[in-house]
N, C-alpha and C. Protein backbone atom coordinates (compact mmCIF):
# COMPACT_ATOMS: atom_id res chain seq x y z
N MET A 1 -88.98 -44.75 135.60
CA MET A 1 -88.85 -45.94 134.97
C MET A 1 -89.71 -45.85 133.66
N ARG A 2 -90.74 -45.22 133.61
CA ARG A 2 -91.69 -45.09 132.51
C ARG A 2 -90.75 -44.41 131.28
N LEU A 3 -90.13 -43.33 131.71
CA LEU A 3 -89.34 -42.56 130.72
C LEU A 3 -88.10 -43.49 130.15
N MET A 4 -87.69 -44.31 131.04
CA MET A 4 -86.44 -45.13 130.62
C MET A 4 -86.88 -46.18 129.67
N THR A 5 -88.06 -46.84 129.92
CA THR A 5 -88.95 -47.73 128.89
C THR A 5 -89.20 -47.11 127.52
N THR A 6 -89.82 -45.93 127.73
CA THR A 6 -90.17 -45.39 126.33
C THR A 6 -89.00 -44.99 125.44
N LEU A 7 -87.88 -44.52 126.03
CA LEU A 7 -86.72 -44.10 125.50
C LEU A 7 -86.17 -45.34 124.76
N SER A 8 -86.17 -46.55 125.48
CA SER A 8 -85.52 -47.79 124.99
C SER A 8 -86.20 -48.35 123.89
N LEU A 9 -87.55 -48.21 123.90
CA LEU A 9 -88.47 -48.61 122.85
C LEU A 9 -88.20 -47.87 121.66
N ALA A 10 -88.11 -46.47 121.80
CA ALA A 10 -87.84 -45.69 120.60
C ALA A 10 -86.60 -45.87 120.13
N ALA A 11 -85.67 -46.19 120.82
CA ALA A 11 -84.21 -46.51 120.38
C ALA A 11 -84.33 -47.75 119.40
N LEU A 12 -85.10 -48.80 120.00
CA LEU A 12 -85.26 -50.13 119.42
C LEU A 12 -86.09 -50.04 117.91
N ILE A 13 -87.00 -49.12 117.86
CA ILE A 13 -87.80 -48.89 116.64
C ILE A 13 -86.87 -48.18 115.72
N ALA A 14 -86.17 -47.25 116.28
CA ALA A 14 -85.12 -46.44 115.21
C ALA A 14 -84.15 -47.12 114.70
N ALA A 15 -83.40 -48.12 115.50
CA ALA A 15 -82.46 -48.83 114.85
C ALA A 15 -83.02 -50.12 114.28
N SER A 16 -84.22 -50.57 114.25
CA SER A 16 -84.75 -51.85 113.74
C SER A 16 -84.76 -51.60 112.13
N PRO A 17 -84.36 -52.72 111.33
CA PRO A 17 -84.41 -52.61 110.15
C PRO A 17 -85.76 -53.07 109.49
N VAL A 18 -87.05 -52.35 109.95
CA VAL A 18 -88.21 -52.87 109.54
C VAL A 18 -88.68 -52.11 108.23
N SER A 19 -89.11 -52.84 107.31
CA SER A 19 -89.62 -52.22 106.22
C SER A 19 -91.07 -52.26 106.03
N PHE A 20 -91.97 -51.34 105.75
CA PHE A 20 -93.28 -51.62 105.60
C PHE A 20 -93.65 -51.70 104.09
N ALA A 21 -92.48 -52.16 103.27
CA ALA A 21 -92.98 -52.20 101.88
C ALA A 21 -93.35 -53.64 101.58
N ALA A 22 -94.20 -53.88 100.68
CA ALA A 22 -94.60 -55.22 100.36
C ALA A 22 -93.48 -56.04 99.74
N PRO A 23 -93.38 -57.27 100.15
CA PRO A 23 -92.26 -58.21 99.56
C PRO A 23 -92.13 -58.28 98.17
N PRO A 24 -90.96 -58.22 97.73
CA PRO A 24 -90.90 -58.30 96.01
C PRO A 24 -91.56 -59.55 95.47
N ALA A 25 -92.08 -59.37 94.28
CA ALA A 25 -92.75 -60.45 93.54
C ALA A 25 -91.43 -61.40 93.21
N ALA A 26 -91.91 -62.45 92.63
CA ALA A 26 -90.83 -63.35 92.28
C ALA A 26 -89.78 -62.83 91.27
N ALA A 27 -88.56 -62.79 91.43
CA ALA A 27 -87.69 -62.19 90.68
C ALA A 27 -87.41 -63.00 89.47
N PRO A 28 -87.37 -62.30 88.20
CA PRO A 28 -87.19 -63.12 87.03
C PRO A 28 -85.82 -63.76 87.06
N VAL A 29 -85.68 -64.73 86.25
CA VAL A 29 -84.29 -65.60 86.28
C VAL A 29 -83.44 -64.63 85.50
N PRO A 30 -82.13 -64.40 85.89
CA PRO A 30 -81.38 -63.52 85.35
C PRO A 30 -80.79 -64.10 84.09
N ALA A 31 -80.53 -63.33 83.01
CA ALA A 31 -79.94 -63.92 81.94
C ALA A 31 -78.41 -64.12 81.97
N PRO A 32 -77.89 -64.82 81.19
CA PRO A 32 -76.37 -65.16 81.36
C PRO A 32 -75.69 -63.85 81.06
N ALA A 33 -74.50 -63.55 81.95
CA ALA A 33 -73.91 -62.40 81.75
C ALA A 33 -73.27 -62.07 80.33
N ALA A 34 -73.58 -60.79 79.78
CA ALA A 34 -73.40 -60.36 78.58
C ALA A 34 -71.72 -60.34 78.35
N GLY A 35 -71.00 -60.29 79.38
CA GLY A 35 -69.62 -60.25 79.23
C GLY A 35 -68.81 -61.52 79.50
N VAL A 36 -69.28 -62.51 79.09
CA VAL A 36 -68.85 -63.87 79.24
C VAL A 36 -67.78 -63.96 77.95
N ILE A 37 -66.64 -64.27 78.30
CA ILE A 37 -65.59 -64.40 77.20
C ILE A 37 -65.33 -65.79 77.08
N THR A 38 -65.45 -66.10 75.73
CA THR A 38 -65.30 -67.51 75.25
C THR A 38 -63.98 -67.81 74.56
N VAL A 39 -63.51 -69.12 74.22
CA VAL A 39 -62.42 -69.38 73.65
C VAL A 39 -62.57 -68.76 72.35
N GLY A 40 -63.57 -68.99 71.53
CA GLY A 40 -63.71 -68.30 70.31
C GLY A 40 -63.53 -66.89 70.22
N HIS A 41 -63.99 -66.14 71.33
CA HIS A 41 -63.98 -64.68 71.30
C HIS A 41 -62.48 -64.29 71.51
N VAL A 42 -61.74 -64.97 72.26
CA VAL A 42 -60.46 -64.69 72.42
C VAL A 42 -59.58 -64.96 71.52
N ASN A 43 -59.97 -65.98 70.51
CA ASN A 43 -59.27 -66.43 69.18
C ASN A 43 -59.56 -65.29 68.31
N ALA A 44 -60.87 -64.86 68.18
CA ALA A 44 -60.98 -63.73 67.22
C ALA A 44 -60.29 -62.44 67.67
N VAL A 45 -60.16 -62.07 68.83
CA VAL A 45 -59.33 -61.06 69.16
C VAL A 45 -57.83 -61.08 68.96
N SER A 46 -57.54 -62.22 69.22
CA SER A 46 -56.03 -62.65 68.71
C SER A 46 -55.85 -62.55 67.22
N ALA A 47 -56.78 -63.00 66.43
CA ALA A 47 -56.70 -62.95 65.09
C ALA A 47 -56.65 -61.33 64.61
N LEU A 48 -57.37 -60.57 65.25
CA LEU A 48 -57.30 -58.99 64.93
C LEU A 48 -56.09 -58.62 65.42
N LEU A 49 -55.52 -59.05 66.56
CA LEU A 49 -53.95 -58.53 66.94
C LEU A 49 -53.14 -58.87 65.86
N LYS A 50 -53.20 -60.08 65.32
CA LYS A 50 -52.34 -60.50 64.38
C LYS A 50 -52.51 -59.60 62.97
N ALA A 51 -53.63 -59.32 62.73
CA ALA A 51 -53.95 -58.69 61.36
C ALA A 51 -53.35 -57.47 61.54
N MET A 52 -53.58 -56.68 62.94
CA MET A 52 -53.07 -55.26 63.18
C MET A 52 -51.61 -55.15 63.34
N GLN A 53 -50.98 -56.46 63.53
CA GLN A 53 -49.48 -56.55 63.77
C GLN A 53 -49.24 -55.85 65.04
N ALA A 54 -49.92 -56.27 66.08
CA ALA A 54 -49.62 -55.62 67.29
C ALA A 54 -48.33 -55.56 67.97
N GLU A 55 -47.41 -56.59 67.39
CA GLU A 55 -45.86 -56.27 67.75
C GLU A 55 -45.32 -55.09 67.34
N LYS A 56 -45.80 -54.41 66.42
CA LYS A 56 -45.37 -53.07 65.94
C LYS A 56 -45.97 -52.13 66.94
N MET A 57 -47.19 -52.19 67.16
CA MET A 57 -47.92 -51.24 68.22
C MET A 57 -47.00 -51.31 69.58
N MET A 58 -46.53 -52.57 69.88
CA MET A 58 -45.75 -52.64 71.19
C MET A 58 -44.52 -51.90 71.02
N ARG A 59 -43.74 -51.94 69.80
CA ARG A 59 -42.72 -50.94 69.42
C ARG A 59 -43.01 -49.50 69.79
N SER A 60 -44.10 -49.24 69.27
CA SER A 60 -44.48 -47.75 69.39
C SER A 60 -44.80 -47.38 70.74
N ILE A 61 -45.27 -48.22 71.46
CA ILE A 61 -45.53 -47.88 72.77
C ILE A 61 -44.22 -47.87 73.64
N THR A 62 -43.22 -48.84 73.35
CA THR A 62 -42.10 -48.66 73.79
C THR A 62 -41.25 -47.37 73.76
N GLY A 63 -41.54 -46.94 72.24
CA GLY A 63 -40.96 -45.67 71.96
C GLY A 63 -41.39 -44.42 72.56
N SER A 64 -42.57 -44.57 72.83
CA SER A 64 -43.35 -43.49 73.53
C SER A 64 -43.46 -43.26 74.99
N SER A 65 -42.87 -44.50 75.54
CA SER A 65 -42.84 -44.44 76.98
C SER A 65 -41.77 -43.76 77.65
N ARG A 66 -41.66 -43.18 78.66
CA ARG A 66 -40.82 -42.42 79.45
C ARG A 66 -39.72 -43.25 80.27
N TYR A 67 -38.53 -43.20 79.72
CA TYR A 67 -37.47 -43.75 80.64
C TYR A 67 -36.36 -42.84 81.15
N ALA A 68 -35.83 -43.17 82.17
CA ALA A 68 -34.83 -42.17 82.85
C ALA A 68 -33.58 -41.88 81.92
N ASN A 69 -33.15 -43.00 81.01
CA ASN A 69 -32.07 -42.83 80.14
C ASN A 69 -32.32 -43.68 79.01
N ASP A 70 -31.44 -43.44 77.83
CA ASP A 70 -31.50 -44.27 76.62
C ASP A 70 -31.16 -45.50 76.94
N THR A 71 -30.40 -45.91 77.83
CA THR A 71 -29.87 -47.24 78.12
C THR A 71 -31.25 -48.09 78.63
N GLN A 72 -31.82 -47.61 79.41
CA GLN A 72 -33.20 -48.27 79.76
C GLN A 72 -34.13 -48.41 78.40
N ARG A 73 -34.30 -47.34 77.75
CA ARG A 73 -34.99 -47.68 76.43
C ARG A 73 -34.49 -48.75 75.62
N GLN A 74 -33.25 -48.83 75.49
CA GLN A 74 -32.67 -49.93 74.63
C GLN A 74 -32.84 -51.27 75.31
N ALA A 75 -32.75 -51.27 76.49
CA ALA A 75 -32.92 -52.45 77.46
C ALA A 75 -34.33 -53.03 77.09
N ALA A 76 -35.53 -52.04 76.97
CA ALA A 76 -36.87 -52.38 76.89
C ALA A 76 -36.98 -52.99 75.58
N TYR A 77 -36.41 -52.24 74.62
CA TYR A 77 -36.46 -52.77 73.17
C TYR A 77 -35.74 -54.32 73.02
N ALA A 78 -34.80 -54.54 73.56
CA ALA A 78 -34.20 -55.77 73.67
C ALA A 78 -35.04 -56.78 74.11
N LYS A 79 -35.70 -56.62 75.31
CA LYS A 79 -36.58 -57.56 75.87
C LYS A 79 -37.85 -57.69 74.94
N LEU A 80 -38.19 -56.67 74.55
CA LEU A 80 -39.38 -56.76 73.70
C LEU A 80 -39.11 -57.61 72.24
N GLU A 81 -37.95 -57.42 71.83
CA GLU A 81 -37.64 -58.22 70.51
C GLU A 81 -37.50 -59.60 70.67
N LYS A 82 -37.16 -60.17 71.92
CA LYS A 82 -37.09 -61.57 72.37
C LYS A 82 -38.38 -62.13 72.35
N VAL A 83 -39.58 -61.41 72.77
CA VAL A 83 -40.78 -61.93 72.76
C VAL A 83 -41.49 -62.25 71.27
N PRO A 84 -41.89 -63.40 71.10
CA PRO A 84 -42.50 -63.69 69.56
C PRO A 84 -43.80 -63.12 69.58
N PRO A 85 -44.14 -62.55 68.21
CA PRO A 85 -45.36 -61.92 68.04
C PRO A 85 -46.58 -62.82 68.53
N ALA A 86 -46.52 -64.17 68.28
CA ALA A 86 -47.52 -64.95 68.71
C ALA A 86 -48.04 -64.85 70.17
N GLN A 87 -46.99 -64.74 70.96
CA GLN A 87 -47.08 -64.54 72.43
C GLN A 87 -47.56 -63.26 72.62
N ILE A 88 -47.38 -62.16 72.07
CA ILE A 88 -47.83 -60.89 72.11
C ILE A 88 -49.28 -60.87 72.05
N TYR A 89 -49.80 -61.50 70.87
CA TYR A 89 -51.16 -61.70 70.46
C TYR A 89 -51.70 -62.44 71.72
N ALA A 90 -51.13 -63.54 72.09
CA ALA A 90 -51.91 -64.29 73.20
C ALA A 90 -52.14 -63.65 74.55
N ARG A 91 -51.11 -62.92 74.87
CA ARG A 91 -51.00 -62.25 76.16
C ARG A 91 -52.03 -60.96 76.15
N LEU A 92 -52.18 -60.33 74.90
CA LEU A 92 -53.08 -59.07 74.84
C LEU A 92 -54.59 -59.54 74.57
N ALA A 93 -54.73 -60.84 73.94
CA ALA A 93 -56.20 -61.28 73.56
C ALA A 93 -57.12 -61.38 74.68
N TYR A 94 -56.89 -61.84 75.78
CA TYR A 94 -57.76 -62.03 76.70
C TYR A 94 -58.32 -60.68 77.36
N PRO A 95 -57.42 -59.86 77.81
CA PRO A 95 -57.69 -58.57 78.51
C PRO A 95 -58.51 -57.80 77.59
N LEU A 96 -58.10 -57.79 76.22
CA LEU A 96 -58.72 -56.94 75.23
C LEU A 96 -60.04 -57.46 74.88
N ALA A 97 -60.43 -58.82 75.21
CA ALA A 97 -61.59 -59.60 74.86
C ALA A 97 -62.77 -58.87 75.63
N ARG A 98 -62.60 -58.41 76.93
CA ARG A 98 -63.32 -57.55 77.72
C ARG A 98 -64.01 -56.35 76.99
N THR A 99 -63.17 -55.65 76.18
CA THR A 99 -63.50 -54.44 75.63
C THR A 99 -63.97 -54.67 74.00
N ILE A 100 -63.37 -55.53 73.45
CA ILE A 100 -63.51 -55.70 71.93
C ILE A 100 -64.64 -56.93 71.97
N SER A 101 -65.65 -56.76 71.25
CA SER A 101 -66.62 -57.81 70.99
C SER A 101 -66.12 -58.85 69.91
N ALA A 102 -66.72 -59.92 69.77
CA ALA A 102 -66.18 -61.05 68.90
C ALA A 102 -66.52 -60.59 67.41
N GLU A 103 -67.56 -60.01 67.36
CA GLU A 103 -68.10 -59.50 66.13
C GLU A 103 -67.14 -58.37 65.48
N THR A 104 -66.91 -57.46 66.44
CA THR A 104 -65.97 -56.39 65.94
C THR A 104 -64.63 -56.84 65.67
N ALA A 105 -64.03 -57.82 66.39
CA ALA A 105 -62.81 -58.56 66.17
C ALA A 105 -62.67 -59.23 64.80
N THR A 106 -63.84 -60.04 64.61
CA THR A 106 -63.79 -60.69 63.25
C THR A 106 -63.84 -59.83 62.29
N GLU A 107 -64.79 -58.82 62.19
CA GLU A 107 -64.92 -57.82 61.06
C GLU A 107 -63.68 -57.01 60.76
N MET A 108 -63.11 -56.64 61.88
CA MET A 108 -61.84 -55.72 61.66
C MET A 108 -60.69 -56.59 61.30
N ALA A 109 -60.52 -57.84 61.65
CA ALA A 109 -59.63 -58.87 61.28
C ALA A 109 -59.77 -59.03 59.72
N ARG A 110 -60.92 -59.34 59.33
CA ARG A 110 -61.07 -59.42 57.74
C ARG A 110 -60.72 -58.29 57.02
N PHE A 111 -61.13 -56.94 57.70
CA PHE A 111 -60.57 -55.82 57.01
C PHE A 111 -59.15 -55.69 56.86
N TYR A 112 -58.48 -55.79 58.03
CA TYR A 112 -56.89 -55.68 58.02
C TYR A 112 -56.40 -56.61 57.13
N ALA A 113 -56.90 -57.90 57.13
CA ALA A 113 -56.31 -58.90 56.00
C ALA A 113 -56.48 -58.46 54.61
N SER A 114 -57.45 -57.51 54.13
CA SER A 114 -57.54 -57.25 52.76
C SER A 114 -56.37 -56.49 52.29
N ASP A 115 -56.24 -56.15 51.03
CA ASP A 115 -55.21 -55.34 50.45
C ASP A 115 -55.20 -54.01 50.85
N TYR A 116 -56.38 -53.35 51.16
CA TYR A 116 -56.48 -52.03 51.55
C TYR A 116 -56.11 -52.11 53.10
N GLY A 117 -56.59 -52.95 53.78
CA GLY A 117 -56.35 -52.99 55.20
C GLY A 117 -54.76 -53.04 55.47
N LYS A 118 -54.06 -53.94 54.58
CA LYS A 118 -52.72 -53.83 54.83
C LYS A 118 -51.97 -52.41 54.67
N LYS A 119 -52.61 -51.91 53.71
CA LYS A 119 -52.02 -50.54 53.55
C LYS A 119 -52.35 -49.54 54.65
N VAL A 120 -53.46 -49.70 55.31
CA VAL A 120 -53.82 -49.04 56.45
C VAL A 120 -52.69 -49.37 57.58
N VAL A 121 -52.61 -50.63 57.81
CA VAL A 121 -51.69 -51.10 58.93
C VAL A 121 -50.38 -50.38 58.63
N HIS A 122 -49.86 -50.53 57.43
CA HIS A 122 -48.46 -50.22 57.12
C HIS A 122 -48.38 -48.59 57.53
N GLN A 123 -49.23 -47.98 57.15
CA GLN A 123 -49.30 -46.47 57.25
C GLN A 123 -49.57 -46.18 58.85
N MET A 124 -50.35 -46.94 59.75
CA MET A 124 -50.40 -46.83 61.08
C MET A 124 -48.96 -46.89 61.83
N TYR A 125 -48.14 -47.54 61.46
CA TYR A 125 -46.94 -48.03 61.91
C TYR A 125 -45.71 -47.35 61.38
N ASN A 126 -45.72 -46.88 60.01
CA ASN A 126 -44.85 -46.43 59.22
C ASN A 126 -45.00 -44.87 58.94
N SER A 127 -45.84 -44.25 59.30
CA SER A 127 -46.13 -42.73 58.81
C SER A 127 -45.22 -42.05 59.64
N GLY A 128 -44.27 -41.22 58.95
CA GLY A 128 -43.47 -40.36 59.59
C GLY A 128 -44.07 -39.09 60.34
N PRO A 129 -43.32 -38.42 61.04
CA PRO A 129 -44.06 -37.22 61.58
C PRO A 129 -44.51 -36.19 60.46
N SER A 130 -45.57 -35.80 60.90
CA SER A 130 -46.01 -34.86 59.70
C SER A 130 -46.79 -33.81 60.70
N MET A 131 -47.18 -32.63 59.83
CA MET A 131 -47.85 -31.58 60.34
C MET A 131 -49.48 -31.73 60.63
N GLY A 132 -50.08 -32.42 59.98
CA GLY A 132 -51.40 -32.85 60.21
C GLY A 132 -51.64 -34.32 60.40
N ALA A 133 -52.83 -34.60 60.45
CA ALA A 133 -53.22 -35.94 60.52
C ALA A 133 -52.82 -36.68 59.29
N PRO A 134 -52.29 -38.07 59.46
CA PRO A 134 -51.83 -38.93 58.30
C PRO A 134 -52.98 -39.07 57.29
N ARG A 135 -52.73 -39.05 56.21
CA ARG A 135 -53.78 -39.35 55.14
C ARG A 135 -54.04 -40.79 55.04
N ALA A 136 -54.93 -41.30 54.61
CA ALA A 136 -55.56 -42.47 54.45
C ALA A 136 -54.99 -43.00 53.19
N PRO A 137 -54.63 -44.31 52.98
CA PRO A 137 -54.28 -44.60 51.51
C PRO A 137 -55.51 -44.50 50.67
N ILE A 138 -55.18 -44.39 49.26
CA ILE A 138 -56.09 -44.21 48.44
C ILE A 138 -56.85 -45.42 48.08
N SER A 139 -58.20 -45.54 48.12
CA SER A 139 -59.00 -46.75 48.05
C SER A 139 -59.58 -46.93 46.52
N THR A 140 -59.80 -48.27 46.15
CA THR A 140 -60.50 -48.45 44.96
C THR A 140 -62.07 -48.22 45.29
N PRO A 141 -62.83 -48.04 44.22
CA PRO A 141 -64.35 -47.95 44.37
C PRO A 141 -64.84 -49.24 45.30
N ALA A 142 -64.42 -50.43 44.89
CA ALA A 142 -64.67 -51.73 45.41
C ALA A 142 -64.43 -51.59 46.97
N GLU A 143 -63.38 -51.17 47.31
CA GLU A 143 -62.81 -51.06 48.70
C GLU A 143 -63.57 -50.09 49.55
N ARG A 144 -63.97 -48.82 48.81
CA ARG A 144 -64.85 -47.97 49.52
C ARG A 144 -66.21 -48.49 49.70
N LYS A 145 -66.70 -49.15 48.83
CA LYS A 145 -68.11 -49.91 48.84
C LYS A 145 -68.06 -50.81 50.07
N ASP A 146 -66.96 -51.67 50.18
CA ASP A 146 -66.85 -52.65 51.12
C ASP A 146 -66.88 -51.69 52.64
N MET A 147 -66.25 -50.66 52.65
CA MET A 147 -66.24 -49.87 53.93
C MET A 147 -67.48 -49.21 54.27
N GLN A 148 -68.44 -49.15 53.31
CA GLN A 148 -69.67 -48.53 53.56
C GLN A 148 -70.72 -49.46 54.17
N ARG A 149 -70.37 -50.67 54.41
CA ARG A 149 -71.19 -51.71 54.91
C ARG A 149 -71.33 -51.41 56.37
N PRO A 150 -72.80 -51.57 56.94
CA PRO A 150 -72.99 -51.10 58.23
C PRO A 150 -72.23 -52.17 59.21
N ALA A 151 -71.82 -53.47 58.91
CA ALA A 151 -71.06 -54.06 59.77
C ALA A 151 -69.64 -53.64 59.91
N PHE A 152 -68.98 -53.15 59.00
CA PHE A 152 -67.77 -52.50 59.04
C PHE A 152 -67.83 -51.24 59.86
N ILE A 153 -68.80 -50.32 59.44
CA ILE A 153 -68.89 -49.01 60.20
C ILE A 153 -68.99 -49.12 61.69
N LYS A 154 -69.80 -50.17 62.08
CA LYS A 154 -70.13 -50.38 63.54
C LYS A 154 -68.69 -51.04 63.99
N ALA A 155 -68.18 -51.75 63.62
CA ALA A 155 -66.75 -52.45 63.93
C ALA A 155 -65.74 -51.39 64.09
N ASN A 156 -65.64 -50.67 62.99
CA ASN A 156 -64.72 -49.67 62.85
C ASN A 156 -64.66 -48.72 64.08
N LYS A 157 -66.11 -48.18 64.44
CA LYS A 157 -66.38 -47.36 65.34
C LYS A 157 -66.13 -47.89 66.84
N ALA A 158 -66.32 -49.15 66.84
CA ALA A 158 -66.34 -49.77 68.09
C ALA A 158 -64.78 -49.89 68.53
N LEU A 159 -63.80 -50.24 67.47
CA LEU A 159 -62.41 -50.45 67.68
C LEU A 159 -61.92 -49.07 67.88
N ALA A 160 -62.41 -47.85 67.15
CA ALA A 160 -61.73 -46.64 67.55
C ALA A 160 -62.10 -46.24 68.97
N GLU A 161 -63.24 -46.60 69.48
CA GLU A 161 -63.58 -46.36 70.97
C GLU A 161 -62.54 -47.05 71.82
N ALA A 162 -62.09 -48.37 71.40
CA ALA A 162 -61.31 -49.07 72.20
C ALA A 162 -59.91 -48.79 72.05
N GLN A 163 -59.46 -47.88 71.28
CA GLN A 163 -57.93 -47.68 71.05
C GLN A 163 -57.22 -47.29 72.36
N SER A 164 -57.90 -46.50 73.10
CA SER A 164 -57.13 -46.19 74.63
C SER A 164 -56.89 -47.43 75.38
N THR A 165 -57.87 -48.23 75.50
CA THR A 165 -57.73 -49.35 76.22
C THR A 165 -56.75 -50.33 75.69
N ILE A 166 -56.63 -50.53 74.15
CA ILE A 166 -55.67 -51.22 73.54
C ILE A 166 -54.23 -50.80 73.88
N ARG A 167 -54.11 -49.44 73.79
CA ARG A 167 -52.73 -49.02 74.18
C ARG A 167 -52.43 -49.03 75.58
N HIS A 168 -53.33 -49.06 76.55
CA HIS A 168 -53.24 -49.16 77.85
C HIS A 168 -52.83 -50.78 78.14
N GLU A 169 -53.47 -51.64 77.49
CA GLU A 169 -53.16 -53.04 77.80
C GLU A 169 -51.62 -53.47 77.15
N GLY A 170 -51.33 -52.79 76.21
CA GLY A 170 -50.07 -52.91 75.61
C GLY A 170 -49.04 -52.31 76.49
N PHE A 171 -49.39 -51.25 77.27
CA PHE A 171 -48.40 -50.55 78.05
C PHE A 171 -48.34 -51.54 79.21
N VAL A 172 -49.37 -52.32 79.79
CA VAL A 172 -49.35 -53.29 80.94
C VAL A 172 -48.36 -54.31 80.49
N LEU A 173 -48.71 -54.75 79.31
CA LEU A 173 -47.79 -55.76 78.74
C LEU A 173 -46.36 -55.67 78.83
N LEU A 174 -46.05 -54.32 78.23
CA LEU A 174 -44.60 -53.84 78.25
C LEU A 174 -44.05 -53.99 79.67
N GLN A 175 -44.87 -53.27 80.60
CA GLN A 175 -44.18 -53.49 81.71
C GLN A 175 -43.96 -54.84 82.28
N ALA A 176 -44.89 -55.72 82.04
CA ALA A 176 -44.52 -57.25 82.44
C ALA A 176 -43.54 -57.89 81.63
N ILE A 177 -43.27 -57.37 80.59
CA ILE A 177 -42.02 -58.00 79.80
C ILE A 177 -40.81 -57.07 80.25
N ALA A 178 -40.90 -56.11 80.61
CA ALA A 178 -39.58 -55.37 80.95
C ALA A 178 -38.99 -55.76 82.26
N LYS A 179 -39.92 -56.58 83.13
CA LYS A 179 -39.46 -57.06 84.38
C LYS A 179 -38.91 -58.22 84.34
């Protein structure tokens, strides 16, 4: 009987979630989540997509996607052509707002709206196949000075890091359009 009591007490002690640590001090009030997406943030990302001409990016994603035959590829292009560019911007803006900050979107939209930025966008979608990396358009000294600003450098780096996510979300949108 004594052995049974000892074993049952040992099992209860081993299974009990008793902690000998001191109770935690009063926890600080948590700050608002950094990933909160506002309407202004989504609008800034939408303006960036418009400046980047995301509808052309969607065409390049369609072209690089694997299809069983050319008929399916042409059908995907036809469905994509029916979608207005504004709808593409709106449908991509919210998912990309989780990745692209409002500051990055605003700065890069400003850049892509400039004369030099328009040349860069044109080259992004219209550069033919080449042996090496495509060359950047020739910029003026004023444009080079503008691209040396810390805000632009930071935004350009952040957008470059988000390129894989942008293409992924574009592919997800293409799948939704194709259905």
